[in-house]
Amino acid sequence: MLSQGIRGRLFLCLWLTIGVTTTTANASDLLVFAAASTTDTLEEVFKKFTLRTGLKIRGSYASSGALARQIEFGAPANLFLSATPLWVDWAKSKKLLSNNSDKEIFQNSLVLVTNNTQRHSTPAGSNIQKYLSQSNGRLAMGDPGHVPAGVYAKIALQSLGMWKFVVNRTARLPDVRATLRIIERGELKLGIVYHTDALMSENVKILKTFPQDTHPPISYILSRVREFDTAATKRLYEFLLSPAAKLVYRKDGFLTD
């Protein structure tokens, strides 16, 4: 168990590393901290915004918990897109976000996946419990300690009465894209990822979708970071909430109003 002092030094080192890597970029660039599951979608939207405005955007993608901690220690993010309201509430409690800037941008769903070369003897009509109980291997998922996809997965598995059967054979990854890569490479047989991640990969197959009532809504929240809330920040924020951006979100499988 790391002491508070050691943890603080680790976060400080991470912050200093971010400072070094971002100083080489144009100071006028906008930096967006976003959940790993939004990588491809946001990059497409950023290109559209840059074509319209000439403003350049850099995206930094990781688990929402890791990004929130980096913001706490001074990382110069203009916007924060979290895959759960929990880390937004945490950041608000630290007064890191601009008042009333947290808006739901879209939702997602949770799926059980396998590598598309894997063969399952289980009939196609089988439920999630059967897939998990008949698999002897480890289950890939985001770390429920800080990765939203892992938090949702744990809650869903608890709802289905399966957590106690898989808890000791889970492979806990640093974000949902790391989980996806493990399954894509066939290193593990089963994994839990977001529906949108599974759709963007040619190397995974969706076995089952977790019922919506087994976990809280998977709601992505966009917020402006108080310290770097500039006019350009607000302009990008509004574009990410616009109908033009929502067309991209829906194309990639996210759920919007």
C-alpha atoms as a PDB file:
ATOM      1  CA  MET A   1       0.000   0.000   0.000  1.00  0.00           C
ATOM      2  CA  LEU A   2       1.530   3.324  -1.028  1.00  0.00           C
ATOM      3  CA  SER A   3       1.673   6.087   1.567  1.00  0.00           C
ATOM      4  CA  GLN A   4       0.024   9.444   0.886  1.00  0.00           C
ATOM      5  CA  GLY A   5       3.461  11.000   0.449  1.00  0.00           C
ATOM      6  CA  ILE A   6       4.597   8.467  -2.133  1.00  0.00           C
ATOM      7  CA  ARG A   7       1.280   8.728  -3.994  1.00  0.00           C
ATOM      8  CA  GLY A   8       1.634  12.487  -4.072  1.00  0.00           C
ATOM      9  CA  ARG A   9       5.150  12.258  -5.489  1.00  0.00           C
ATOM     10  CA  LEU A  10       3.975   9.813  -8.162  1.00  0.00           C
ATOM     11  CA  PHE A  11       1.199  12.177  -9.261  1.00  0.00           C
ATOM     12  CA  LEU A  12       3.674  15.074  -9.244  1.00  0.00           C
ATOM     13  CA  CYS A  13       6.043  13.108 -11.507  1.00  0.00           C
ATOM     14  CA  LEU A  14       3.149  12.365 -13.856  1.00  0.00           C
ATOM     15  CA  TRP A  15       2.203  16.047 -13.935  1.00  0.00           C
ATOM     16  CA  LEU A  16       5.809  17.060 -14.678  1.00  0.00           C
ATOM     17  CA  THR A  17       5.933  14.530 -17.516  1.00  0.00           C
ATOM     18  CA  ILE A  18       2.765  16.006 -19.003  1.00  0.00           C
ATOM     19  CA  GLY A  19       4.275  19.471 -18.704  1.00  0.00           C
ATOM     20  CA  VAL A  20       7.343  18.412 -20.670  1.00  0.00           C
ATOM     21  CA  THR A  21       5.385  16.722 -23.439  1.00  0.00           C
ATOM     22  CA  THR A  22       2.933  19.590 -23.927  1.00  0.00           C
ATOM     23  CA  THR A  23       5.405  22.488 -23.973  1.00  0.00           C
ATOM     24  CA  THR A  24       6.516  21.544 -27.485  1.00  0.00           C
ATOM     25  CA  ALA A  25       3.010  22.096 -28.869  1.00  0.00           C
ATOM     26  CA  ASN A  26       1.627  25.437 -29.963  1.00  0.00           C
ATOM     27  CA  ALA A  27       0.458  27.385 -26.913  1.00  0.00           C
ATOM     28  CA  SER A  28      -2.790  28.221 -28.723  1.00  0.00           C
ATOM     29  CA  ASP A  29      -3.708  24.549 -29.166  1.00  0.00           C
ATOM     30  CA  LEU A  30      -6.646  23.244 -27.163  1.00  0.00           C
ATOM     31  CA  LEU A  31      -6.103  20.144 -25.029  1.00  0.00           C
ATOM     32  CA  VAL A  32      -8.979  17.752 -24.358  1.00  0.00           C
ATOM     33  CA  PHE A  33      -8.739  15.037 -21.713  1.00  0.00           C
ATOM     34  CA  ALA A  34     -11.186  12.306 -22.709  1.00  0.00           C
ATOM     35  CA  ALA A  35     -12.156   8.739 -21.861  1.00  0.00           C
ATOM     36  CA  ALA A  36     -10.189   6.191 -23.894  1.00  0.00           C
ATOM     37  CA  SER A  37     -13.388   4.824 -25.436  1.00  0.00           C
ATOM     38  CA  THR A  38     -13.972   8.114 -27.279  1.00  0.00           C
ATOM     39  CA  THR A  39     -10.607   8.262 -29.078  1.00  0.00           C
ATOM     40  CA  ASP A  40     -11.592   7.594 -32.700  1.00  0.00           C
ATOM     41  CA  THR A  41     -14.883   9.466 -32.519  1.00  0.00           C
ATOM     42  CA  LEU A  42     -13.435  12.622 -31.004  1.00  0.00           C
ATOM     43  CA  GLU A  43     -10.505  12.706 -33.416  1.00  0.00           C
ATOM     44  CA  GLU A  44     -13.005  12.812 -36.279  1.00  0.00           C
ATOM     45  CA  VAL A  45     -14.983  15.607 -34.624  1.00  0.00           C
ATOM     46  CA  PHE A  46     -11.796  17.551 -33.860  1.00  0.00           C
ATOM     47  CA  LYS A  47     -10.844  17.506 -37.551  1.00  0.00           C
ATOM     48  CA  LYS A  48     -14.232  18.992 -38.451  1.00  0.00           C
ATOM     49  CA  PHE A  49     -13.810  21.718 -35.835  1.00  0.00           C
ATOM     50  CA  THR A  50     -10.299  22.576 -37.047  1.00  0.00           C
ATOM     51  CA  LEU A  51     -11.504  22.840 -40.650  1.00  0.00           C
ATOM     52  CA  ARG A  52     -14.206  25.277 -39.543  1.00  0.00           C
ATOM     53  CA  THR A  53     -12.146  27.406 -37.174  1.00  0.00           C
ATOM     54  CA  GLY A  54      -8.443  26.845 -37.822  1.00  0.00           C
ATOM     55  CA  LEU A  55      -7.981  26.017 -34.131  1.00  0.00           C
ATOM     56  CA  LYS A  56      -5.921  22.898 -33.429  1.00  0.00           C
ATOM     57  CA  ILE A  57      -6.914  20.352 -30.814  1.00  0.00           C
ATOM     58  CA  ARG A  58      -4.900  17.714 -29.043  1.00  0.00           C
ATOM     59  CA  GLY A  59      -6.641  14.787 -27.411  1.00  0.00           C
ATOM     60  CA  SER A  60      -5.219  12.909 -24.433  1.00  0.00           C
ATOM     61  CA  TYR A  61      -7.037   9.611 -23.850  1.00  0.00           C
ATOM     62  CA  ALA A  62      -6.979   7.381 -20.769  1.00  0.00           C
ATOM     63  CA  SER A  63      -9.283   6.211 -18.000  1.00  0.00           C
ATOM     64  CA  SER A  64     -11.461   8.994 -16.607  1.00  0.00           C
ATOM     65  CA  GLY A  65     -10.049   8.532 -13.110  1.00  0.00           C
ATOM     66  CA  ALA A  66      -6.450   8.910 -14.266  1.00  0.00           C
ATOM     67  CA  LEU A  67      -7.331  12.034 -16.265  1.00  0.00           C
ATOM     68  CA  ALA A  68      -9.203  13.628 -13.366  1.00  0.00           C
ATOM     69  CA  ARG A  69      -6.171  13.128 -11.139  1.00  0.00           C
ATOM     70  CA  GLN A  70      -3.912  14.721 -13.738  1.00  0.00           C
ATOM     71  CA  ILE A  71      -6.210  17.760 -13.870  1.00  0.00           C
ATOM     72  CA  GLU A  72      -6.012  18.006 -10.082  1.00  0.00           C
ATOM     73  CA  PHE A  73      -2.233  18.230 -10.317  1.00  0.00           C
ATOM     74  CA  GLY A  74      -2.248  20.996 -12.903  1.00  0.00           C
ATOM     75  CA  ALA A  75      -2.359  19.327 -16.313  1.00  0.00           C
ATOM     76  CA  PRO A  76      -3.361  22.086 -18.787  1.00  0.00           C
ATOM     77  CA  ALA A  77      -6.552  20.512 -20.119  1.00  0.00           C
ATOM     78  CA  ASN A  78      -9.242  22.832 -21.471  1.00  0.00           C
ATOM     79  CA  LEU A  79     -12.014  20.217 -21.496  1.00  0.00           C
ATOM     80  CA  PHE A  80     -12.656  16.998 -19.592  1.00  0.00           C
ATOM     81  CA  LEU A  81     -14.864  14.260 -21.061  1.00  0.00           C
ATOM     82  CA  SER A  82     -15.533  11.576 -18.473  1.00  0.00           C
ATOM     83  CA  ALA A  83     -17.178   8.199 -19.086  1.00  0.00           C
ATOM     84  CA  THR A  84     -18.961   8.490 -15.745  1.00  0.00           C
ATOM     85  CA  PRO A  85     -20.523  11.295 -13.691  1.00  0.00           C
ATOM     86  CA  LEU A  86     -18.604  10.005 -10.648  1.00  0.00           C
ATOM     87  CA  TRP A  87     -15.273  11.527 -11.687  1.00  0.00           C
ATOM     88  CA  VAL A  88     -16.999  14.735 -12.747  1.00  0.00           C
ATOM     89  CA  ASP A  89     -18.556  15.007  -9.288  1.00  0.00           C
ATOM     90  CA  TRP A  90     -15.136  14.374  -7.766  1.00  0.00           C
ATOM     91  CA  ALA A  91     -13.543  17.095  -9.912  1.00  0.00           C
ATOM     92  CA  LYS A  92     -16.363  19.501  -9.038  1.00  0.00           C
ATOM     93  CA  SER A  93     -15.789  18.832  -5.341  1.00  0.00           C
ATOM     94  CA  LYS A  94     -12.181  19.940  -5.884  1.00  0.00           C
ATOM     95  CA  LYS A  95     -13.429  23.073  -7.717  1.00  0.00           C
ATOM     96  CA  LEU A  96     -11.533  22.034 -10.854  1.00  0.00           C
ATOM     97  CA  LEU A  97     -14.413  22.580 -13.304  1.00  0.00           C
ATOM     98  CA  SER A  98     -16.304  25.675 -14.407  1.00  0.00           C
ATOM     99  CA  ASN A  99     -19.702  26.136 -12.805  1.00  0.00           C
ATOM    100  CA  ASN A 100     -22.649  24.543 -14.616  1.00  0.00           C
ATOM    101  CA  SER A 101     -20.477  23.330 -17.501  1.00  0.00           C
ATOM    102  CA  ASP A 102     -21.082  19.598 -17.005  1.00  0.00           C
ATOM    103  CA  LYS A 103     -23.356  18.309 -19.782  1.00  0.00           C
ATOM    104  CA  GLU A 104     -24.170  14.779 -20.903  1.00  0.00           C
ATOM    105  CA  ILE A 105     -22.814  14.380 -24.422  1.00  0.00           C
ATOM    106  CA  PHE A 106     -23.872  10.779 -25.184  1.00  0.00           C
ATOM    107  CA  GLN A 107     -24.384   7.315 -23.686  1.00  0.00           C
ATOM    108  CA  ASN A 108     -23.026   3.829 -24.336  1.00  0.00           C
ATOM    109  CA  SER A 109     -23.778   0.194 -23.536  1.00  0.00           C
ATOM    110  CA  LEU A 110     -21.715  -2.691 -22.186  1.00  0.00           C
ATOM    111  CA  VAL A 111     -20.966  -5.912 -24.076  1.00  0.00           C
ATOM    112  CA  LEU A 112     -19.256  -9.267 -23.563  1.00  0.00           C
ATOM    113  CA  VAL A 113     -16.821  -9.921 -26.416  1.00  0.00           C
ATOM    114  CA  THR A 114     -14.417 -12.536 -27.718  1.00  0.00           C
ATOM    115  CA  ASN A 115     -11.795 -12.657 -30.448  1.00  0.00           C
ATOM    116  CA  ASN A 116     -13.593 -13.327 -33.723  1.00  0.00           C
ATOM    117  CA  THR A 117     -11.417 -16.389 -34.366  1.00  0.00           C
ATOM    118  CA  GLN A 118     -12.513 -18.036 -31.110  1.00  0.00           C
ATOM    119  CA  ARG A 119     -15.011 -20.864 -31.277  1.00  0.00           C
ATOM    120  CA  HIS A 120     -17.571 -21.380 -28.551  1.00  0.00           C
ATOM    121  CA  SER A 121     -19.415 -24.610 -27.969  1.00  0.00           C
ATOM    122  CA  THR A 122     -22.094 -22.683 -26.118  1.00  0.00           C
ATOM    123  CA  PRO A 123     -25.292 -22.308 -28.185  1.00  0.00           C
ATOM    124  CA  ALA A 124     -25.900 -18.846 -29.621  1.00  0.00           C
ATOM    125  CA  GLY A 125     -28.911 -18.351 -27.373  1.00  0.00           C
ATOM    126  CA  SER A 126     -26.887 -18.687 -24.180  1.00  0.00           C
ATOM    127  CA  ASN A 127     -26.869 -15.875 -21.677  1.00  0.00           C
ATOM    128  CA  ILE A 128     -23.908 -14.040 -20.146  1.00  0.00           C
ATOM    129  CA  GLN A 129     -23.872 -16.273 -17.072  1.00  0.00           C
ATOM    130  CA  LYS A 130     -23.371 -19.385 -19.204  1.00  0.00           C
ATOM    131  CA  TYR A 131     -20.560 -17.871 -21.226  1.00  0.00           C
ATOM    132  CA  LEU A 132     -18.731 -16.874 -18.048  1.00  0.00           C
ATOM    133  CA  SER A 133     -19.364 -20.098 -16.137  1.00  0.00           C
ATOM    134  CA  GLN A 134     -18.196 -22.273 -19.047  1.00  0.00           C
ATOM    135  CA  SER A 135     -14.977 -20.328 -19.584  1.00  0.00           C
ATOM    136  CA  ASN A 136     -11.941 -21.380 -17.544  1.00  0.00           C
ATOM    137  CA  GLY A 137      -9.765 -18.456 -18.576  1.00  0.00           C
ATOM    138  CA  ARG A 138      -9.389 -14.971 -17.168  1.00  0.00           C
ATOM    139  CA  LEU A 139     -11.923 -12.250 -17.910  1.00  0.00           C
ATOM    140  CA  ALA A 140     -10.471  -9.011 -19.326  1.00  0.00           C
ATOM    141  CA  MET A 141     -12.022  -5.799 -18.010  1.00  0.00           C
ATOM    142  CA  GLY A 142     -11.100  -2.291 -16.960  1.00  0.00           C
ATOM    143  CA  ASP A 143      -9.797  -1.937 -13.422  1.00  0.00           C
ATOM    144  CA  PRO A 144     -12.917  -1.212 -11.324  1.00  0.00           C
ATOM    145  CA  GLY A 145     -10.752   0.857  -8.994  1.00  0.00           C
ATOM    146  CA  HIS A 146     -10.593   3.776 -11.440  1.00  0.00           C
ATOM    147  CA  VAL A 147     -11.740   2.748 -14.948  1.00  0.00           C
ATOM    148  CA  PRO A 148     -15.430   3.546 -15.597  1.00  0.00           C
ATOM    149  CA  ALA A 149     -15.871   0.556 -17.927  1.00  0.00           C
ATOM    150  CA  GLY A 150     -14.565  -1.631 -15.110  1.00  0.00           C
ATOM    151  CA  VAL A 151     -16.877  -0.022 -12.570  1.00  0.00           C
ATOM    152  CA  TYR A 152     -19.900  -0.614 -14.810  1.00  0.00           C
ATOM    153  CA  ALA A 153     -18.731  -4.179 -15.528  1.00  0.00           C
ATOM    154  CA  LYS A 154     -18.377  -4.999 -11.845  1.00  0.00           C
ATOM    155  CA  ILE A 155     -21.843  -3.623 -11.057  1.00  0.00           C
ATOM    156  CA  ALA A 156     -23.366  -5.543 -13.989  1.00  0.00           C
ATOM    157  CA  LEU A 157     -21.683  -8.775 -12.919  1.00  0.00           C
ATOM    158  CA  GLN A 158     -22.885  -8.255  -9.351  1.00  0.00           C
ATOM    159  CA  SER A 159     -26.430  -7.698 -10.660  1.00  0.00           C
ATOM    160  CA  LEU A 160     -26.229 -10.996 -12.539  1.00  0.00           C
ATOM    161  CA  GLY A 161     -24.830 -12.812  -9.491  1.00  0.00           C
ATOM    162  CA  MET A 162     -21.556 -13.550 -11.316  1.00  0.00           C
ATOM    163  CA  TRP A 163     -19.026 -11.290  -9.628  1.00  0.00           C
ATOM    164  CA  LYS A 164     -18.159 -13.763  -6.866  1.00  0.00           C
ATOM    165  CA  PHE A 165     -17.402 -16.402  -9.512  1.00  0.00           C
ATOM    166  CA  VAL A 166     -15.086 -14.237 -11.632  1.00  0.00           C
ATOM    167  CA  VAL A 167     -13.504 -11.793  -9.167  1.00  0.00           C
ATOM    168  CA  ASN A 168     -10.395 -13.935  -8.673  1.00  0.00           C
ATOM    169  CA  ARG A 169      -9.828 -14.521 -12.379  1.00  0.00           C
ATOM    170  CA  THR A 170     -10.206 -11.044 -13.783  1.00  0.00           C
ATOM    171  CA  ALA A 171      -7.447  -9.339 -15.762  1.00  0.00           C
ATOM    172  CA  ARG A 172      -7.814  -5.698 -14.737  1.00  0.00           C
ATOM    173  CA  LEU A 173      -6.579  -3.319 -17.437  1.00  0.00           C
ATOM    174  CA  PRO A 174      -5.736   0.417 -17.245  1.00  0.00           C
ATOM    175  CA  ASP A 175      -8.519   1.478 -19.641  1.00  0.00           C
ATOM    176  CA  VAL A 176     -11.168   0.042 -21.942  1.00  0.00           C
ATOM    177  CA  ARG A 177      -8.969   0.229 -25.057  1.00  0.00           C
ATOM    178  CA  ALA A 178      -6.323  -1.900 -23.336  1.00  0.00           C
ATOM    179  CA  THR A 179      -9.072  -4.451 -22.660  1.00  0.00           C
ATOM    180  CA  LEU A 180     -10.073  -4.368 -26.307  1.00  0.00           C
ATOM    181  CA  ARG A 181      -6.483  -4.943 -27.461  1.00  0.00           C
ATOM    182  CA  ILE A 182      -6.102  -8.005 -25.221  1.00  0.00           C
ATOM    183  CA  ILE A 183      -9.131  -9.577 -26.887  1.00  0.00           C
ATOM    184  CA  GLU A 184      -8.108  -8.480 -30.385  1.00  0.00           C
ATOM    185  CA  ARG A 185      -4.792 -10.287 -29.965  1.00  0.00           C
ATOM    186  CA  GLY A 186      -6.529 -13.394 -28.637  1.00  0.00           C
ATOM    187  CA  GLU A 187      -4.521 -13.311 -25.399  1.00  0.00           C
ATOM    188  CA  LEU A 188      -7.706 -13.824 -23.408  1.00  0.00           C
ATOM    189  CA  LYS A 189     -10.932 -15.434 -24.521  1.00  0.00           C
ATOM    190  CA  LEU A 190     -13.526 -13.110 -22.973  1.00  0.00           C
ATOM    191  CA  GLY A 191     -13.654  -9.411 -22.172  1.00  0.00           C
ATOM    192  CA  ILE A 192     -16.092  -6.673 -21.248  1.00  0.00           C
ATOM    193  CA  VAL A 193     -15.938  -3.436 -23.246  1.00  0.00           C
ATOM    194  CA  TYR A 194     -18.239  -0.713 -24.458  1.00  0.00           C
ATOM    195  CA  HIS A 195     -20.447  -1.405 -27.454  1.00  0.00           C
ATOM    196  CA  THR A 196     -18.762   1.364 -29.457  1.00  0.00           C
ATOM    197  CA  ASP A 197     -15.305  -0.157 -28.915  1.00  0.00           C
ATOM    198  CA  ALA A 198     -16.488  -3.527 -30.132  1.00  0.00           C
ATOM    199  CA  LEU A 199     -18.043  -1.944 -33.238  1.00  0.00           C
ATOM    200  CA  MET A 200     -14.820  -0.238 -34.277  1.00  0.00           C
ATOM    201  CA  SER A 201     -12.743  -3.429 -34.150  1.00  0.00           C
ATOM    202  CA  GLU A 202     -12.678  -6.022 -36.921  1.00  0.00           C
ATOM    203  CA  ASN A 203     -11.050  -8.563 -34.598  1.00  0.00           C
ATOM    204  CA  VAL A 204     -13.682  -8.938 -31.883  1.00  0.00           C
ATOM    205  CA  LYS A 205     -17.150 -10.416 -31.861  1.00  0.00           C
ATOM    206  CA  ILE A 206     -19.993  -9.365 -29.588  1.00  0.00           C
ATOM    207  CA  LEU A 207     -21.414 -12.323 -27.710  1.00  0.00           C
ATOM    208  CA  LYS A 208     -23.971 -10.550 -25.554  1.00  0.00           C
ATOM    209  CA  THR A 209     -25.062  -7.076 -24.502  1.00  0.00           C
ATOM    210  CA  PHE A 210     -25.516  -6.543 -20.776  1.00  0.00           C
ATOM    211  CA  PRO A 211     -29.116  -5.577 -19.970  1.00  0.00           C
ATOM    212  CA  GLN A 212     -29.430  -1.866 -19.248  1.00  0.00           C
ATOM    213  CA  ASP A 213     -31.004  -2.572 -15.872  1.00  0.00           C
ATOM    214  CA  THR A 214     -27.859  -4.372 -14.626  1.00  0.00           C
ATOM    215  CA  HIS A 215     -25.826  -1.158 -14.345  1.00  0.00           C
ATOM    216  CA  PRO A 216     -26.300   2.620 -14.116  1.00  0.00           C
ATOM    217  CA  PRO A 217     -26.619   4.527 -17.403  1.00  0.00           C
ATOM    218  CA  ILE A 218     -23.210   4.795 -19.093  1.00  0.00           C
ATOM    219  CA  SER A 219     -23.290   8.542 -19.385  1.00  0.00           C
ATOM    220  CA  TYR A 220     -20.405  10.604 -20.791  1.00  0.00           C
ATOM    221  CA  ILE A 221     -20.122  14.065 -19.265  1.00  0.00           C
ATOM    222  CA  LEU A 222     -18.349  16.993 -20.906  1.00  0.00           C
ATOM    223  CA  SER A 223     -17.012  19.812 -18.700  1.00  0.00           C
ATOM    224  CA  ARG A 224     -14.809  22.868 -19.027  1.00  0.00           C
ATOM    225  CA  VAL A 225     -11.723  22.970 -16.792  1.00  0.00           C
ATOM    226  CA  ARG A 226     -11.892  26.108 -14.666  1.00  0.00           C
ATOM    227  CA  GLU A 227      -8.228  27.157 -14.912  1.00  0.00           C
ATOM    228  CA  PHE A 228      -8.129  26.948 -18.725  1.00  0.00           C
ATOM    229  CA  ASP A 229     -11.668  28.047 -19.593  1.00  0.00           C
ATOM    230  CA  THR A 230     -10.902  30.434 -22.452  1.00  0.00           C
ATOM    231  CA  ALA A 231     -13.076  31.803 -25.254  1.00  0.00           C
ATOM    232  CA  ALA A 232     -11.631  29.122 -27.560  1.00  0.00           C
ATOM    233  CA  THR A 233     -12.475  26.484 -24.941  1.00  0.00           C
ATOM    234  CA  LYS A 234     -16.104  27.594 -24.932  1.00  0.00           C
ATOM    235  CA  ARG A 235     -16.189  27.537 -28.726  1.00  0.00           C
ATOM    236  CA  LEU A 236     -15.000  23.922 -28.855  1.00  0.00           C
ATOM    237  CA  TYR A 237     -17.314  22.984 -25.974  1.00  0.00           C
ATOM    238  CA  GLU A 238     -20.336  24.257 -27.908  1.00  0.00           C
ATOM    239  CA  PHE A 239     -19.250  22.440 -31.057  1.00  0.00           C
ATOM    240  CA  LEU A 240     -18.928  19.130 -29.204  1.00  0.00           C
ATOM    241  CA  LEU A 241     -22.553  19.562 -28.103  1.00  0.00           C
ATOM    242  CA  SER A 242     -23.777  20.579 -31.562  1.00  0.00           C
ATOM    243  CA  PRO A 243     -25.967  18.612 -34.021  1.00  0.00           C
ATOM    244  CA  ALA A 244     -22.982  18.295 -36.405  1.00  0.00           C
ATOM    245  CA  ALA A 245     -20.957  16.516 -33.727  1.00  0.00           C
ATOM    246  CA  LYS A 246     -23.899  14.336 -32.723  1.00  0.00           C
ATOM    247  CA  LEU A 247     -24.075  12.947 -36.258  1.00  0.00           C
ATOM    248  CA  VAL A 248     -20.566  11.543 -35.761  1.00  0.00           C
ATOM    249  CA  TYR A 249     -21.396  10.179 -32.312  1.00  0.00           C
ATOM    250  CA  ARG A 250     -24.436   8.322 -33.635  1.00  0.00           C
ATOM    251  CA  LYS A 251     -22.491   6.966 -36.619  1.00  0.00           C
ATOM    252  CA  ASP A 252     -19.985   5.422 -34.226  1.00  0.00           C
ATOM    253  CA  GLY A 253     -22.690   3.793 -32.102  1.00  0.00           C
ATOM    254  CA  PHE A 254     -23.053   6.253 -29.242  1.00  0.00           C
ATOM    255  CA  LEU A 255     -26.553   7.098 -28.048  1.00  0.00           C
ATOM    256  CA  THR A 256     -27.615  10.756 -28.214  1.00  0.00           C
ATOM    257  CA  ASP A 257     -30.862  12.642 -27.667  1.00  0.00           C
END
